[in-house]
Amino acid sequence: MTTGISLGRAGRAVLDLLLPTCCAGCGAGGSPCCSACAAVWWGLVPVARAAVASGPPMFALTRYRGVARRLVLAQKERGRRDLAAPLGAALARGLTSLPASTGKGDVHLVPAPSRASAARLRGGSHVLALARHCAVGLRNEGVRAQVAPVLRLAAGARDAVGLDAEQRAANLRGRVRVASWRLPEPGARVILLDDVITTGATAAACVRALREAGIGVVAVLGLTVAG
């Protein structure tokens, strides 16, 4: 939602109460994401990127275009916090079909980190919000899941929009940090979540940082994949 002014968290909350809910994908009234637009999250798309060629398998729910793109941008950039629940639920449905989400023990969902300045403008990390709702969806399906927000992006990282694969990798090099006191136990099933997979640079940097901290990632799942 664009108003021409910068709204704080309280201002956005007031607008959420005053304005009628509409679908961010098509504009239809009644829900943040109508059933027709929710159908865009139709299944898992295997994702191949050179940056993660030797890493865990990567998947996305659909391509970053059309309705899916509008939904992602609305949640990420336009203050539509009400989309975190349906988009997180879509991630949960995708994960239930991955072998990595089945078995004994908890599934640990690690959200990809955002720049601190961007997260403040958005009223918090949008990927963390997705992860929390994804965990709820998994638990509703009988999967023991918890969110592990252990990754941080150090100062100095630029907005990645417009950067190519090499520039994205350089932008993140050495800047993905791990909060070691919050890490899952070694051997835990860890799944990295993100909203858009582009070059794979973010996934590669996150997987590398976790591996150096003794934590292996069993899969990467994004809502969408660019290209």
Protein backbone atom coordinates (compact mmCIF):
# COMPACT_ATOMS: atom_id res chain seq x y z
CA MET A 1 0.00 0.00 0.00
CA THR A 2 1.45 3.37 -1.03
CA THR A 3 0.25 6.55 0.69
CA GLY A 4 2.89 9.08 -0.31
CA ILE A 5 4.15 9.39 3.27
CA SER A 6 6.30 7.23 5.46
CA LEU A 7 4.15 5.34 7.98
CA GLY A 8 5.38 3.90 11.23
CA ARG A 9 4.24 0.58 12.61
CA ALA A 10 1.36 2.20 14.55
CA GLY A 11 0.21 4.13 11.48
CA ARG A 12 0.11 1.00 9.37
CA ALA A 13 -1.84 -0.82 12.07
CA VAL A 14 -4.48 1.94 12.09
CA LEU A 15 -4.80 1.78 8.31
CA ASP A 16 -5.17 -2.00 8.48
CA LEU A 17 -8.22 -1.45 10.71
CA LEU A 18 -9.76 1.37 8.67
CA LEU A 19 -9.32 0.10 5.13
CA PRO A 20 -11.22 -2.93 3.81
CA THR A 21 -9.19 -6.04 3.14
CA CYS A 22 -8.53 -6.76 -0.51
CA CYS A 23 -6.52 -9.38 -2.32
CA ALA A 24 -3.03 -8.10 -3.06
CA GLY A 25 -2.91 -10.26 -6.17
CA CYS A 26 -6.06 -9.13 -7.98
CA GLY A 27 -7.80 -6.52 -5.83
CA ALA A 28 -10.87 -8.61 -5.05
CA GLY A 29 -12.40 -7.88 -1.66
CA GLY A 30 -12.66 -10.21 1.28
CA SER A 31 -9.18 -11.60 1.96
CA PRO A 32 -5.48 -10.69 1.69
CA CYS A 33 -5.01 -13.43 -0.92
CA CYS A 34 -8.11 -14.85 -2.62
CA SER A 35 -8.43 -18.53 -3.48
CA ALA A 36 -7.83 -17.87 -7.17
CA CYS A 37 -4.57 -16.03 -6.51
CA ALA A 38 -3.51 -18.55 -3.86
CA ALA A 39 -3.59 -21.19 -6.60
CA VAL A 40 -0.38 -19.63 -7.98
CA TRP A 41 1.52 -21.56 -5.28
CA TRP A 42 0.93 -24.74 -7.22
CA GLY A 43 3.93 -26.87 -6.33
CA LEU A 44 7.68 -27.18 -6.00
CA VAL A 45 10.05 -26.01 -8.73
CA PRO A 46 13.62 -27.38 -8.46
CA VAL A 47 16.07 -24.49 -8.66
CA ALA A 48 19.59 -24.81 -10.04
CA ARG A 49 22.09 -22.02 -9.42
CA ALA A 50 25.85 -22.15 -9.84
CA ALA A 51 26.36 -20.39 -6.50
CA VAL A 52 24.82 -23.34 -4.66
CA ALA A 53 25.87 -26.11 -7.03
CA SER A 54 27.61 -28.06 -4.27
CA GLY A 55 25.10 -27.15 -1.59
CA PRO A 56 21.69 -28.41 -0.48
CA PRO A 57 18.79 -28.81 -2.94
CA MET A 58 16.84 -25.64 -3.66
CA PHE A 59 13.17 -25.27 -4.51
CA ALA A 60 10.61 -22.53 -5.08
CA LEU A 61 6.83 -22.62 -5.20
CA THR A 62 6.54 -20.75 -8.49
CA ARG A 63 8.17 -18.19 -10.78
CA TYR A 64 8.62 -14.58 -9.73
CA ARG A 65 6.12 -13.03 -12.10
CA GLY A 66 2.48 -12.04 -12.41
CA VAL A 67 0.32 -12.67 -9.37
CA ALA A 68 3.14 -14.26 -7.36
CA ARG A 69 5.34 -11.21 -7.88
CA ARG A 70 2.55 -8.85 -6.83
CA LEU A 71 1.93 -10.84 -3.66
CA VAL A 72 5.62 -10.98 -2.73
CA LEU A 73 6.14 -7.26 -3.32
CA ALA A 74 2.99 -6.34 -1.40
CA GLN A 75 4.16 -8.26 1.67
CA LYS A 76 7.77 -7.13 1.39
CA GLU A 77 7.57 -3.50 0.26
CA ARG A 78 3.99 -2.24 0.57
CA GLY A 79 3.11 -2.89 4.17
CA ARG A 80 0.77 -5.84 3.59
CA ARG A 81 1.62 -7.67 6.78
CA ASP A 82 -1.65 -9.59 6.47
CA LEU A 83 -0.05 -11.58 3.65
CA ALA A 84 2.48 -13.26 5.94
CA ALA A 85 -0.13 -15.82 7.04
CA PRO A 86 -1.28 -17.05 3.59
CA LEU A 87 2.23 -16.93 2.12
CA GLY A 88 3.69 -18.70 5.14
CA ALA A 89 0.96 -21.33 4.84
CA ALA A 90 1.93 -21.82 1.18
CA LEU A 91 5.54 -22.44 2.23
CA ALA A 92 4.33 -24.99 4.77
CA ARG A 93 2.35 -26.87 2.13
CA GLY A 94 5.41 -26.96 -0.08
CA LEU A 95 7.61 -28.23 2.72
CA THR A 96 5.29 -31.10 3.60
CA SER A 97 6.11 -32.66 0.23
CA LEU A 98 9.86 -32.49 0.84
CA PRO A 99 11.55 -35.51 2.42
CA ALA A 100 13.67 -33.04 4.41
CA SER A 101 10.62 -32.05 6.46
CA THR A 102 9.71 -35.59 7.53
CA GLY A 103 11.29 -37.81 10.14
CA LYS A 104 12.08 -37.60 13.81
CA GLY A 105 12.99 -34.41 15.59
CA ASP A 106 12.10 -30.80 14.94
CA VAL A 107 12.39 -28.98 11.65
CA HIS A 108 14.26 -25.71 12.17
CA LEU A 109 13.23 -22.92 9.81
CA VAL A 110 15.98 -20.35 9.30
CA PRO A 111 14.82 -17.13 7.60
CA ALA A 112 17.25 -15.45 5.23
CA PRO A 113 18.38 -12.16 6.83
CA SER A 114 17.42 -8.67 5.68
CA ARG A 115 19.41 -5.47 5.95
CA ALA A 116 18.65 -3.91 9.33
CA SER A 117 17.60 -0.61 7.78
CA ALA A 118 15.17 -2.33 5.41
CA ALA A 119 13.68 -4.41 8.21
CA ARG A 120 13.07 -1.28 10.29
CA LEU A 121 11.22 0.40 7.43
CA ARG A 122 9.08 -2.72 6.99
CA GLY A 123 8.21 -3.01 10.66
CA GLY A 124 10.34 -6.14 11.03
CA SER A 125 11.84 -8.89 8.92
CA HIS A 126 9.31 -10.01 6.31
CA VAL A 127 11.02 -13.40 5.88
CA LEU A 128 10.93 -13.98 9.64
CA ALA A 129 7.17 -13.32 9.53
CA LEU A 130 6.84 -15.87 6.72
CA ALA A 131 8.86 -18.41 8.71
CA ARG A 132 6.69 -18.01 11.79
CA HIS A 133 3.49 -18.64 9.85
CA CYS A 134 5.16 -21.51 7.99
CA ALA A 135 5.99 -23.13 11.33
CA VAL A 136 2.36 -22.82 12.40
CA GLY A 137 1.23 -24.47 9.17
CA LEU A 138 3.69 -27.32 9.61
CA ARG A 139 2.62 -27.90 13.20
CA ASN A 140 -1.00 -28.03 12.06
CA GLU A 141 0.07 -30.90 9.77
CA GLY A 142 1.73 -32.74 12.62
CA VAL A 143 5.29 -31.67 11.77
CA ARG A 144 7.32 -30.49 14.74
CA ALA A 145 8.69 -27.16 13.56
CA GLN A 146 10.28 -24.13 15.11
CA VAL A 147 11.78 -20.92 13.82
CA ALA A 148 15.50 -20.31 14.26
CA PRO A 149 16.25 -16.65 13.37
CA VAL A 150 19.99 -17.11 13.77
CA LEU A 151 21.30 -15.17 10.77
CA ARG A 152 22.17 -11.48 10.67
CA LEU A 153 23.38 -9.25 7.85
CA ALA A 154 26.26 -7.03 8.90
CA ALA A 155 26.48 -3.37 8.01
CA GLY A 156 27.76 -2.48 4.58
CA ALA A 157 25.52 -4.67 2.45
CA ARG A 158 23.71 -2.81 -0.33
CA ASP A 159 20.23 -3.34 -1.68
CA ALA A 160 20.69 -6.22 -4.11
CA VAL A 161 18.20 -4.96 -6.71
CA GLY A 162 20.02 -4.52 -10.02
CA LEU A 163 23.15 -6.41 -8.99
CA ASP A 164 24.38 -9.31 -11.10
CA ALA A 165 25.44 -12.69 -9.71
CA GLU A 166 29.06 -11.66 -9.08
CA GLN A 167 28.06 -8.36 -7.48
CA ARG A 168 25.50 -10.06 -5.24
CA ALA A 169 28.10 -12.54 -4.04
CA ALA A 170 30.61 -9.74 -3.33
CA ASN A 171 27.91 -7.72 -1.57
CA LEU A 172 27.29 -10.55 0.92
CA ARG A 173 30.82 -11.87 1.30
CA GLY A 174 31.70 -11.95 4.98
CA ARG A 175 28.53 -10.10 5.96
CA VAL A 176 26.22 -13.00 6.89
CA ARG A 177 26.74 -13.57 10.60
CA VAL A 178 25.45 -16.33 12.89
CA ALA A 179 24.09 -15.85 16.39
CA SER A 180 25.84 -18.87 17.86
CA TRP A 181 23.89 -18.87 21.14
CA ARG A 182 20.64 -19.54 19.25
CA LEU A 183 21.80 -22.30 16.91
CA PRO A 184 19.97 -25.61 16.53
CA GLU A 185 21.78 -28.70 17.76
CA PRO A 186 24.29 -30.25 15.33
CA GLY A 187 22.52 -32.75 13.10
CA ALA A 188 19.18 -30.91 13.27
CA ARG A 189 17.06 -30.66 10.14
CA VAL A 190 17.57 -27.04 9.07
CA ILE A 191 15.68 -25.49 6.16
CA LEU A 192 16.57 -22.05 4.84
CA LEU A 193 13.60 -19.89 3.77
CA ASP A 194 13.50 -16.85 1.51
CA ASP A 195 10.95 -14.94 -0.56
CA VAL A 196 12.78 -14.71 -3.91
CA ILE A 197 15.65 -16.82 -5.19
CA THR A 198 17.57 -14.91 -7.84
CA THR A 199 21.22 -15.80 -8.44
CA GLY A 200 21.46 -18.02 -5.37
CA ALA A 201 24.03 -15.72 -3.77
CA THR A 202 21.97 -15.19 -0.61
CA ALA A 203 21.35 -18.90 -0.17
CA ALA A 204 25.02 -19.69 -0.75
CA ALA A 205 26.18 -17.09 1.80
CA CYS A 206 23.67 -18.30 4.39
CA VAL A 207 24.48 -21.97 3.88
CA ARG A 208 28.20 -21.21 4.13
CA ALA A 209 27.80 -19.22 7.35
CA LEU A 210 25.73 -21.96 8.95
CA ARG A 211 28.15 -24.66 7.81
CA GLU A 212 31.07 -22.77 9.36
CA ALA A 213 29.07 -22.70 12.60
CA GLY A 214 28.66 -26.47 12.45
CA ILE A 215 25.09 -26.51 11.11
CA GLY A 216 24.14 -28.24 7.86
CA VAL A 217 21.20 -27.04 5.75
CA VAL A 218 19.13 -29.88 4.27
CA ALA A 219 17.11 -27.75 1.82
CA VAL A 220 16.46 -24.21 0.66
CA LEU A 221 12.90 -23.10 -0.14
CA GLY A 222 11.81 -19.81 -1.63
CA LEU A 223 8.34 -18.56 -2.38
CA THR A 224 9.48 -17.67 -5.89
CA VAL A 225 12.40 -17.98 -8.25
CA ALA A 226 13.42 -15.24 -10.68
CA GLY A 227 14.05 -15.98 -14.32
